[in-house]
Amino acid sequence: MIELHMRLKIREAKGQEIRQTLKSLGRMIRARPGCSRYAFYVRARDNNGMVVQAWDGRVALNNYLRSDEHKVLLGAISTLCSGCTVRFRGN
């Protein structure tokens, strides 16, 4: 299992928009083969967030990283966030 953690610094006044985007993307990402977890959290007090994904293996993760869903997620992050850090765990 490989986990992907994305820490987000959400732009002011964009919290609701990123929540809606992450929620709608979640249905599509969870349906992808090999996805065993997709969750996101947004703290209301400071507008920081986190996206957590777990993939059954390297092939499933690589397929997702090339997918339209991932491209949309990256586009939303670049538009609605002022910063993002990514961390992978597992093998």
PDB file of N, CA and C in Angstrom:
ATOM      1  N   MET A   1       0.842  -1.181   0.000  1.00  0.00           N
ATOM      2  CA  MET A   1       0.000   0.000   0.000  1.00  0.00           C
ATOM      3  C   MET A   1       0.889   1.247   0.000  1.00  0.00           C
ATOM      4  N   ILE A   2       0.492   2.228  -0.788  1.00  0.00           N
ATOM      5  CA  ILE A   2       1.193   3.506  -0.868  1.00  0.00           C
ATOM      6  C   ILE A   2       0.204   4.612  -0.501  1.00  0.00           C
ATOM      7  N   GLU A   3       0.614   5.441   0.437  1.00  0.00           N
ATOM      8  CA  GLU A   3      -0.217   6.577   0.834  1.00  0.00           C
ATOM      9  C   GLU A   3       0.351   7.854   0.251  1.00  0.00           C
ATOM     10  N   LEU A   4      -0.554   8.723  -0.161  1.00  0.00           N
ATOM     11  CA  LEU A   4      -0.219  10.031  -0.702  1.00  0.00           C
ATOM     12  C   LEU A   4      -0.874  11.066   0.200  1.00  0.00           C
ATOM     13  N   HIS A   5      -0.059  11.933   0.807  1.00  0.00           N
ATOM     14  CA  HIS A   5      -0.564  12.991   1.689  1.00  0.00           C
ATOM     15  C   HIS A   5      -0.238  14.329   1.053  1.00  0.00           C
ATOM     16  N   MET A   6      -1.246  15.173   0.891  1.00  0.00           N
ATOM     17  CA  MET A   6      -1.052  16.507   0.328  1.00  0.00           C
ATOM     18  C   MET A   6      -1.537  17.530   1.356  1.00  0.00           C
ATOM     19  N   ARG A   7      -0.610  18.323   1.868  1.00  0.00           N
ATOM     20  CA  ARG A   7      -0.966  19.404   2.800  1.00  0.00           C
ATOM     21  C   ARG A   7      -1.211  20.665   1.987  1.00  0.00           C
ATOM     22  N   LEU A   8      -2.345  21.299   2.244  1.00  0.00           N
ATOM     23  CA  LEU A   8      -2.770  22.448   1.451  1.00  0.00           C
ATOM     24  C   LEU A   8      -2.841  23.706   2.303  1.00  0.00           C
ATOM     25  N   LYS A   9      -2.366  24.802   1.756  1.00  0.00           N
ATOM     26  CA  LYS A   9      -2.583  26.129   2.348  1.00  0.00           C
ATOM     27  C   LYS A   9      -3.581  26.823   1.425  1.00  0.00           C
ATOM     28  N   ILE A  10      -4.824  26.864   1.846  1.00  0.00           N
ATOM     29  CA  ILE A  10      -5.921  27.338   1.009  1.00  0.00           C
ATOM     30  C   ILE A  10      -5.984  28.866   1.053  1.00  0.00           C
ATOM     31  N   ARG A  11      -6.167  29.457  -0.125  1.00  0.00           N
ATOM     32  CA  ARG A  11      -6.284  30.922  -0.211  1.00  0.00           C
ATOM     33  C   ARG A  11      -7.514  31.382   0.566  1.00  0.00           C
ATOM     34  N   GLU A  12      -7.389  32.570   1.128  1.00  0.00           N
ATOM     35  CA  GLU A  12      -8.508  33.147   1.867  1.00  0.00           C
ATOM     36  C   GLU A  12      -9.751  33.210   0.993  1.00  0.00           C
ATOM     37  N   ALA A  13     -10.882  32.895   1.568  1.00  0.00           N
ATOM     38  CA  ALA A  13     -12.188  32.934   0.900  1.00  0.00           C
ATOM     39  C   ALA A  13     -12.348  31.843  -0.161  1.00  0.00           C
ATOM     40  N   LYS A  14     -11.461  30.867  -0.224  1.00  0.00           N
ATOM     41  CA  LYS A  14     -11.588  29.775  -1.194  1.00  0.00           C
ATOM     42  C   LYS A  14     -11.890  28.436  -0.523  1.00  0.00           C
ATOM     43  N   GLY A  15     -12.125  28.452   0.788  1.00  0.00           N
ATOM     44  CA  GLY A  15     -12.385  27.218   1.533  1.00  0.00           C
ATOM     45  C   GLY A  15     -13.585  26.453   1.027  1.00  0.00           C
ATOM     46  N   GLN A  16     -14.695  27.130   0.803  1.00  0.00           N
ATOM     47  CA  GLN A  16     -15.907  26.456   0.322  1.00  0.00           C
ATOM     48  C   GLN A  16     -15.699  25.879  -1.071  1.00  0.00           C
ATOM     49  N   GLU A  17     -15.026  26.615  -1.922  1.00  0.00           N
ATOM     50  CA  GLU A  17     -14.795  26.158  -3.293  1.00  0.00           C
ATOM     51  C   GLU A  17     -13.896  24.918  -3.327  1.00  0.00           C
ATOM     52  N   ILE A  18     -12.842  24.902  -2.510  1.00  0.00           N
ATOM     53  CA  ILE A  18     -11.963  23.723  -2.497  1.00  0.00           C
ATOM     54  C   ILE A  18     -12.696  22.526  -1.907  1.00  0.00           C
ATOM     55  N   ARG A  19     -13.539  22.744  -0.896  1.00  0.00           N
ATOM     56  CA  ARG A  19     -14.332  21.635  -0.334  1.00  0.00           C
ATOM     57  C   ARG A  19     -15.230  21.013  -1.399  1.00  0.00           C
ATOM     58  N   GLN A  20     -15.931  21.849  -2.151  1.00  0.00           N
ATOM     59  CA  GLN A  20     -16.820  21.348  -3.200  1.00  0.00           C
ATOM     60  C   GLN A  20     -16.037  20.575  -4.257  1.00  0.00           C
ATOM     61  N   THR A  21     -14.884  21.095  -4.654  1.00  0.00           N
ATOM     62  CA  THR A  21     -14.062  20.439  -5.667  1.00  0.00           C
ATOM     63  C   THR A  21     -13.550  19.094  -5.161  1.00  0.00           C
ATOM     64  N   LEU A  22     -13.018  19.068  -3.944  1.00  0.00           N
ATOM     65  CA  LEU A  22     -12.488  17.832  -3.390  1.00  0.00           C
ATOM     66  C   LEU A  22     -13.578  16.789  -3.194  1.00  0.00           C
ATOM     67  N   LYS A  23     -14.766  17.243  -2.815  1.00  0.00           N
ATOM     68  CA  LYS A  23     -15.884  16.312  -2.631  1.00  0.00           C
ATOM     69  C   LYS A  23     -16.306  15.699  -3.965  1.00  0.00           C
ATOM     70  N   SER A  24     -16.448  16.508  -4.998  1.00  0.00           N
ATOM     71  CA  SER A  24     -16.886  15.964  -6.294  1.00  0.00           C
ATOM     72  C   SER A  24     -15.802  15.077  -6.914  1.00  0.00           C
ATOM     73  N   LEU A  25     -14.536  15.437  -6.755  1.00  0.00           N
ATOM     74  CA  LEU A  25     -13.454  14.588  -7.262  1.00  0.00           C
ATOM     75  C   LEU A  25     -13.379  13.271  -6.503  1.00  0.00           C
ATOM     76  N   GLY A  26     -13.744  13.303  -5.247  1.00  0.00           N
ATOM     77  CA  GLY A  26     -13.663  12.103  -4.412  1.00  0.00           C
ATOM     78  C   GLY A  26     -14.421  10.927  -4.970  1.00  0.00           C
ATOM     79  N   ARG A  27     -15.591  11.155  -5.479  1.00  0.00           N
ATOM     80  CA  ARG A  27     -16.390  10.050  -6.040  1.00  0.00           C
ATOM     81  C   ARG A  27     -15.655   9.389  -7.202  1.00  0.00           C
ATOM     82  N   MET A  28     -15.047  10.182  -8.052  1.00  0.00           N
ATOM     83  CA  MET A  28     -14.340   9.644  -9.218  1.00  0.00           C
ATOM     84  C   MET A  28     -13.034   8.960  -8.810  1.00  0.00           C
ATOM     85  N   ILE A  29     -12.323   9.558  -7.869  1.00  0.00           N
ATOM     86  CA  ILE A  29     -11.047   8.976  -7.443  1.00  0.00           C
ATOM     87  C   ILE A  29     -11.277   7.659  -6.711  1.00  0.00           C
ATOM     88  N   ARG A  30     -12.274   7.614  -5.817  1.00  0.00           N
ATOM     89  CA  ARG A  30     -12.571   6.370  -5.094  1.00  0.00           C
ATOM     90  C   ARG A  30     -12.956   5.237  -6.038  1.00  0.00           C
ATOM     91  N   ALA A  31     -13.548   5.569  -7.177  1.00  0.00           N
ATOM     92  CA  ALA A  31     -13.985   4.544  -8.137  1.00  0.00           C
ATOM     93  C   ALA A  31     -12.833   3.986  -8.973  1.00  0.00           C
ATOM     94  N   ARG A  32     -11.669   4.611  -8.928  1.00  0.00           N
ATOM     95  CA  ARG A  32     -10.517   4.144  -9.725  1.00  0.00           C
ATOM     96  C   ARG A  32      -9.997   2.826  -9.164  1.00  0.00           C
ATOM     97  N   PRO A  33      -9.590   1.923 -10.042  1.00  0.00           N
ATOM     98  CA  PRO A  33      -9.028   0.646  -9.577  1.00  0.00           C
ATOM     99  C   PRO A  33      -7.796   0.878  -8.708  1.00  0.00           C
ATOM    100  N   GLY A  34      -7.778   0.216  -7.570  1.00  0.00           N
ATOM    101  CA  GLY A  34      -6.630   0.296  -6.680  1.00  0.00           C
ATOM    102  C   GLY A  34      -6.714   1.354  -5.602  1.00  0.00           C
ATOM    103  N   CYS A  35      -7.741   2.204  -5.640  1.00  0.00           N
ATOM    104  CA  CYS A  35      -7.887   3.226  -4.601  1.00  0.00           C
ATOM    105  C   CYS A  35      -8.566   2.591  -3.388  1.00  0.00           C
ATOM    106  N   SER A  36      -7.874   2.566  -2.270  1.00  0.00           N
ATOM    107  CA  SER A  36      -8.478   2.003  -1.066  1.00  0.00           C
ATOM    108  C   SER A  36      -8.885   3.082  -0.063  1.00  0.00           C
ATOM    109  N   ARG A  37      -8.461   4.325  -0.309  1.00  0.00           N
ATOM    110  CA  ARG A  37      -8.875   5.415   0.580  1.00  0.00           C
ATOM    111  C   ARG A  37      -8.703   6.755  -0.117  1.00  0.00           C
ATOM    112  N   TYR A  38      -9.681   7.615   0.089  1.00  0.00           N
ATOM    113  CA  TYR A  38      -9.595   9.019  -0.327  1.00  0.00           C
ATOM    114  C   TYR A  38     -10.358   9.805   0.723  1.00  0.00           C
ATOM    115  N   ALA A  39      -9.690  10.745   1.352  1.00  0.00           N
ATOM    116  CA  ALA A  39     -10.335  11.597   2.348  1.00  0.00           C
ATOM    117  C   ALA A  39      -9.689  12.973   2.280  1.00  0.00           C
ATOM    118  N   PHE A  40     -10.453  13.971   2.661  1.00  0.00           N
ATOM    119  CA  PHE A  40      -9.890  15.318   2.733  1.00  0.00           C
ATOM    120  C   PHE A  40     -10.427  16.011   3.968  1.00  0.00           C
ATOM    121  N   TYR A  41      -9.634  16.932   4.449  1.00  0.00           N
ATOM    122  CA  TYR A  41      -9.961  17.687   5.650  1.00  0.00           C
ATOM    123  C   TYR A  41      -9.614  19.143   5.402  1.00  0.00           C
ATOM    124  N   VAL A  42     -10.494  20.034   5.828  1.00  0.00           N
ATOM    125  CA  VAL A  42     -10.224  21.467   5.748  1.00  0.00           C
ATOM    126  C   VAL A  42     -10.560  22.058   7.111  1.00  0.00           C
ATOM    127  N   ARG A  43      -9.571  22.694   7.735  1.00  0.00           N
ATOM    128  CA  ARG A  43      -9.799  23.325   9.035  1.00  0.00           C
ATOM    129  C   ARG A  43     -10.372  24.718   8.821  1.00  0.00           C
ATOM    130  N   ALA A  44     -11.505  24.965   9.422  1.00  0.00           N
ATOM    131  CA  ALA A  44     -12.180  26.252   9.246  1.00  0.00           C
ATOM    132  C   ALA A  44     -11.401  27.396   9.891  1.00  0.00           C
ATOM    133  N   ARG A  45     -10.704  27.134  10.979  1.00  0.00           N
ATOM    134  CA  ARG A  45     -10.065  28.234  11.721  1.00  0.00           C
ATOM    135  C   ARG A  45      -8.866  28.842  11.007  1.00  0.00           C
ATOM    136  N   ASP A  46      -8.148  28.040  10.192  1.00  0.00           N
ATOM    137  CA  ASP A  46      -6.972  28.611   9.547  1.00  0.00           C
ATOM    138  C   ASP A  46      -6.878  28.285   8.054  1.00  0.00           C
ATOM    139  N   ASN A  47      -7.906  27.643   7.520  1.00  0.00           N
ATOM    140  CA  ASN A  47      -7.974  27.331   6.085  1.00  0.00           C
ATOM    141  C   ASN A  47      -6.827  26.455   5.589  1.00  0.00           C
ATOM    142  N   ASN A  48      -6.285  25.613   6.463  1.00  0.00           N
ATOM    143  CA  ASN A  48      -5.337  24.605   6.021  1.00  0.00           C
ATOM    144  C   ASN A  48      -6.108  23.333   5.735  1.00  0.00           C
ATOM    145  N   GLY A  49      -5.598  22.534   4.833  1.00  0.00           N
ATOM    146  CA  GLY A  49      -6.292  21.304   4.497  1.00  0.00           C
ATOM    147  C   GLY A  49      -5.323  20.180   4.221  1.00  0.00           C
ATOM    148  N   MET A  50      -5.891  18.981   4.066  1.00  0.00           N
ATOM    149  CA  MET A  50      -5.099  17.815   3.743  1.00  0.00           C
ATOM    150  C   MET A  50      -5.944  16.868   2.902  1.00  0.00           C
ATOM    151  N   VAL A  51      -5.303  16.295   1.892  1.00  0.00           N
ATOM    152  CA  VAL A  51      -5.905  15.228   1.093  1.00  0.00           C
ATOM    153  C   VAL A  51      -5.084  13.982   1.372  1.00  0.00           C
ATOM    154  N   VAL A  52      -5.763  12.887   1.703  1.00  0.00           N
ATOM    155  CA  VAL A  52      -5.102  11.621   1.982  1.00  0.00           C
ATOM    156  C   VAL A  52      -5.661  10.580   1.026  1.00  0.00           C
ATOM    157  N   GLN A  53      -4.755   9.900   0.336  1.00  0.00           N
ATOM    158  CA  GLN A  53      -5.155   8.830  -0.571  1.00  0.00           C
ATOM    159  C   GLN A  53      -4.310   7.601  -0.260  1.00  0.00           C
ATOM    160  N   ALA A  54      -4.883   6.423  -0.437  1.00  0.00           N
ATOM    161  CA  ALA A  54      -4.142   5.176  -0.293  1.00  0.00           C
ATOM    162  C   ALA A  54      -4.397   4.341  -1.534  1.00  0.00           C
ATOM    163  N   TRP A  55      -3.316   3.786  -2.072  1.00  0.00           N
ATOM    164  CA  TRP A  55      -3.370   3.004  -3.310  1.00  0.00           C
ATOM    165  C   TRP A  55      -2.793   1.626  -3.057  1.00  0.00           C
ATOM    166  N   ASP A  56      -3.376   0.621  -3.704  1.00  0.00           N
ATOM    167  CA  ASP A  56      -3.000  -0.773  -3.468  1.00  0.00           C
ATOM    168  C   ASP A  56      -1.597  -1.108  -3.946  1.00  0.00           C
ATOM    169  N   GLY A  57      -1.032  -0.311  -4.797  1.00  0.00           N
ATOM    170  CA  GLY A  57       0.324  -0.574  -5.268  1.00  0.00           C
ATOM    171  C   GLY A  57       0.801   0.505  -6.217  1.00  0.00           C
ATOM    172  N   ARG A  58       2.029   0.328  -6.669  1.00  0.00           N
ATOM    173  CA  ARG A  58       2.669   1.315  -7.524  1.00  0.00           C
ATOM    174  C   ARG A  58       1.962   1.477  -8.874  1.00  0.00           C
ATOM    175  N   VAL A  59       1.481   0.382  -9.444  1.00  0.00           N
ATOM    176  CA  VAL A  59       0.806   0.458 -10.752  1.00  0.00           C
ATOM    177  C   VAL A  59      -0.476   1.287 -10.626  1.00  0.00           C
ATOM    178  N   ALA A  60      -1.272   1.013  -9.598  1.00  0.00           N
ATOM    179  CA  ALA A  60      -2.519   1.767  -9.397  1.00  0.00           C
ATOM    180  C   ALA A  60      -2.224   3.244  -9.171  1.00  0.00           C
ATOM    181  N   LEU A  61      -1.219   3.540  -8.356  1.00  0.00           N
ATOM    182  CA  LEU A  61      -0.857   4.936  -8.093  1.00  0.00           C
ATOM    183  C   LEU A  61      -0.378   5.620  -9.365  1.00  0.00           C
ATOM    184  N   ASN A  62       0.490   4.972 -10.123  1.00  0.00           N
ATOM    185  CA  ASN A  62       0.994   5.571 -11.364  1.00  0.00           C
ATOM    186  C   ASN A  62      -0.133   5.830 -12.359  1.00  0.00           C
ATOM    187  N   ASN A  63      -1.067   4.897 -12.465  1.00  0.00           N
ATOM    188  CA  ASN A  63      -2.219   5.107 -13.355  1.00  0.00           C
ATOM    189  C   ASN A  63      -3.034   6.310 -12.904  1.00  0.00           C
ATOM    190  N   TYR A  64      -3.231   6.438 -11.599  1.00  0.00           N
ATOM    191  CA  TYR A  64      -3.967   7.591 -11.084  1.00  0.00           C
ATOM    192  C   TYR A  64      -3.213   8.896 -11.358  1.00  0.00           C
ATOM    193  N   LEU A  65      -1.898   8.898 -11.156  1.00  0.00           N
ATOM    194  CA  LEU A  65      -1.117  10.123 -11.354  1.00  0.00           C
ATOM    195  C   LEU A  65      -1.153  10.609 -12.801  1.00  0.00           C
ATOM    196  N   ARG A  66      -1.486   9.718 -13.735  1.00  0.00           N
ATOM    197  CA  ARG A  66      -1.617  10.096 -15.146  1.00  0.00           C
ATOM    198  C   ARG A  66      -3.066  10.401 -15.530  1.00  0.00           C
ATOM    199  N   SER A  67      -3.986  10.298 -14.592  1.00  0.00           N
ATOM    200  CA  SER A  67      -5.412  10.401 -14.890  1.00  0.00           C
ATOM    201  C   SER A  67      -5.900  11.845 -14.980  1.00  0.00           C
ATOM    202  N   ASP A  68      -7.057  12.013 -15.619  1.00  0.00           N
ATOM    203  CA  ASP A  68      -7.701  13.325 -15.680  1.00  0.00           C
ATOM    204  C   ASP A  68      -8.088  13.817 -14.289  1.00  0.00           C
ATOM    205  N   GLU A  69      -8.500  12.901 -13.408  1.00  0.00           N
ATOM    206  CA  GLU A  69      -8.896  13.289 -12.058  1.00  0.00           C
ATOM    207  C   GLU A  69      -7.729  13.948 -11.314  1.00  0.00           C
ATOM    208  N   HIS A  70      -6.544  13.380 -11.468  1.00  0.00           N
ATOM    209  CA  HIS A  70      -5.380  13.958 -10.807  1.00  0.00           C
ATOM    210  C   HIS A  70      -5.025  15.314 -11.419  1.00  0.00           C
ATOM    211  N   LYS A  71      -5.158  15.437 -12.727  1.00  0.00           N
ATOM    212  CA  LYS A  71      -4.897  16.725 -13.381  1.00  0.00           C
ATOM    213  C   LYS A  71      -5.858  17.795 -12.882  1.00  0.00           C
ATOM    214  N   VAL A  72      -7.124  17.438 -12.716  1.00  0.00           N
ATOM    215  CA  VAL A  72      -8.114  18.391 -12.198  1.00  0.00           C
ATOM    216  C   VAL A  72      -7.769  18.766 -10.759  1.00  0.00           C
ATOM    217  N   LEU A  73      -7.369  17.783  -9.954  1.00  0.00           N
ATOM    218  CA  LEU A  73      -6.981  18.061  -8.574  1.00  0.00           C
ATOM    219  C   LEU A  73      -5.800  19.030  -8.527  1.00  0.00           C
ATOM    220  N   LEU A  74      -4.789  18.795  -9.345  1.00  0.00           N
ATOM    221  CA  LEU A  74      -3.639  19.699  -9.381  1.00  0.00           C
ATOM    222  C   LEU A  74      -4.030  21.101  -9.850  1.00  0.00           C
ATOM    223  N   GLY A  75      -4.928  21.191 -10.818  1.00  0.00           N
ATOM    224  CA  GLY A  75      -5.413  22.486 -11.278  1.00  0.00           C
ATOM    225  C   GLY A  75      -6.152  23.237 -10.194  1.00  0.00           C
ATOM    226  N   ALA A  76      -6.999  22.520  -9.447  1.00  0.00           N
ATOM    227  CA  ALA A  76      -7.733  23.147  -8.344  1.00  0.00           C
ATOM    228  C   ALA A  76      -6.773  23.634  -7.263  1.00  0.00           C
ATOM    229  N   ILE A  77      -5.778  22.824  -6.953  1.00  0.00           N
ATOM    230  CA  ILE A  77      -4.807  23.213  -5.932  1.00  0.00           C
ATOM    231  C   ILE A  77      -4.025  24.444  -6.377  1.00  0.00           C
ATOM    232  N   SER A  78      -3.605  24.462  -7.641  1.00  0.00           N
ATOM    233  CA  SER A  78      -2.817  25.614  -8.098  1.00  0.00           C
ATOM    234  C   SER A  78      -3.653  26.891  -8.154  1.00  0.00           C
ATOM    235  N   THR A  79      -4.963  26.767  -8.349  1.00  0.00           N
ATOM    236  CA  THR A  79      -5.839  27.926  -8.420  1.00  0.00           C
ATOM    237  C   THR A  79      -6.334  28.384  -7.048  1.00  0.00           C
ATOM    238  N   LEU A  80      -6.677  27.431  -6.192  1.00  0.00           N
ATOM    239  CA  LEU A  80      -7.356  27.745  -4.935  1.00  0.00           C
ATOM    240  C   LEU A  80      -6.434  27.748  -3.718  1.00  0.00           C
ATOM    241  N   CYS A  81      -5.207  27.302  -3.900  1.00  0.00           N
ATOM    242  CA  CYS A  81      -4.273  27.213  -2.771  1.00  0.00           C
ATOM    243  C   CYS A  81      -3.032  28.051  -3.034  1.00  0.00           C
ATOM    244  N   SER A  82      -2.422  28.494  -1.951  1.00  0.00           N
ATOM    245  CA  SER A  82      -1.191  29.263  -2.087  1.00  0.00           C
ATOM    246  C   SER A  82       0.041  28.397  -1.857  1.00  0.00           C
ATOM    247  N   GLY A  83      -0.158  27.168  -1.465  1.00  0.00           N
ATOM    248  CA  GLY A  83       0.960  26.263  -1.257  1.00  0.00           C
ATOM    249  C   GLY A  83       0.483  24.844  -1.044  1.00  0.00           C
ATOM    250  N   CYS A  84       1.368  23.893  -1.344  1.00  0.00           N
ATOM    251  CA  CYS A  84       1.036  22.483  -1.186  1.00  0.00           C
ATOM    252  C   CYS A  84       2.330  21.704  -0.985  1.00  0.00           C
ATOM    253  N   THR A  85       2.330  20.795  -0.037  1.00  0.00           N
ATOM    254  CA  THR A  85       3.443  19.875   0.117  1.00  0.00           C
ATOM    255  C   THR A  85       2.905  18.458  -0.047  1.00  0.00           C
ATOM    256  N   VAL A  86       3.708  17.591  -0.641  1.00  0.00           N
ATOM    257  CA  VAL A  86       3.286  16.228  -0.954  1.00  0.00           C
ATOM    258  C   VAL A  86       4.254  15.266  -0.268  1.00  0.00           C
ATOM    259  N   ARG A  87       3.691  14.216   0.300  1.00  0.00           N
ATOM    260  CA  ARG A  87       4.505  13.181   0.934  1.00  0.00           C
ATOM    261  C   ARG A  87       3.941  11.805   0.570  1.00  0.00           C
ATOM    262  N   PHE A  88       4.815  10.901   0.207  1.00  0.00           N
ATOM    263  CA  PHE A  88       4.428   9.517  -0.076  1.00  0.00           C
ATOM    264  C   PHE A  88       4.929   8.638   1.059  1.00  0.00           C
ATOM    265  N   ARG A  89       4.119   7.638   1.419  1.00  0.00           N
ATOM    266  CA  ARG A  89       4.519   6.636   2.429  1.00  0.00           C
ATOM    267  C   ARG A  89       4.209   5.267   1.889  1.00  0.00           C
ATOM    268  N   GLY A  90       5.075   4.335   2.112  1.00  0.00           N
ATOM    269  CA  GLY A  90       4.838   2.958   1.692  1.00  0.00           C
ATOM    270  C   GLY A  90       5.769   2.575   0.575  1.00  0.00           C
ATOM    271  N   ASN A  91       5.457   1.443  -0.054  1.00  0.00           N
ATOM    272  CA  ASN A  91       6.287   0.988  -1.174  1.00  0.00           C
ATOM    273  C   ASN A  91       5.470   0.322  -2.238  1.00  0.00           C
TER     274      ASN A  91
END
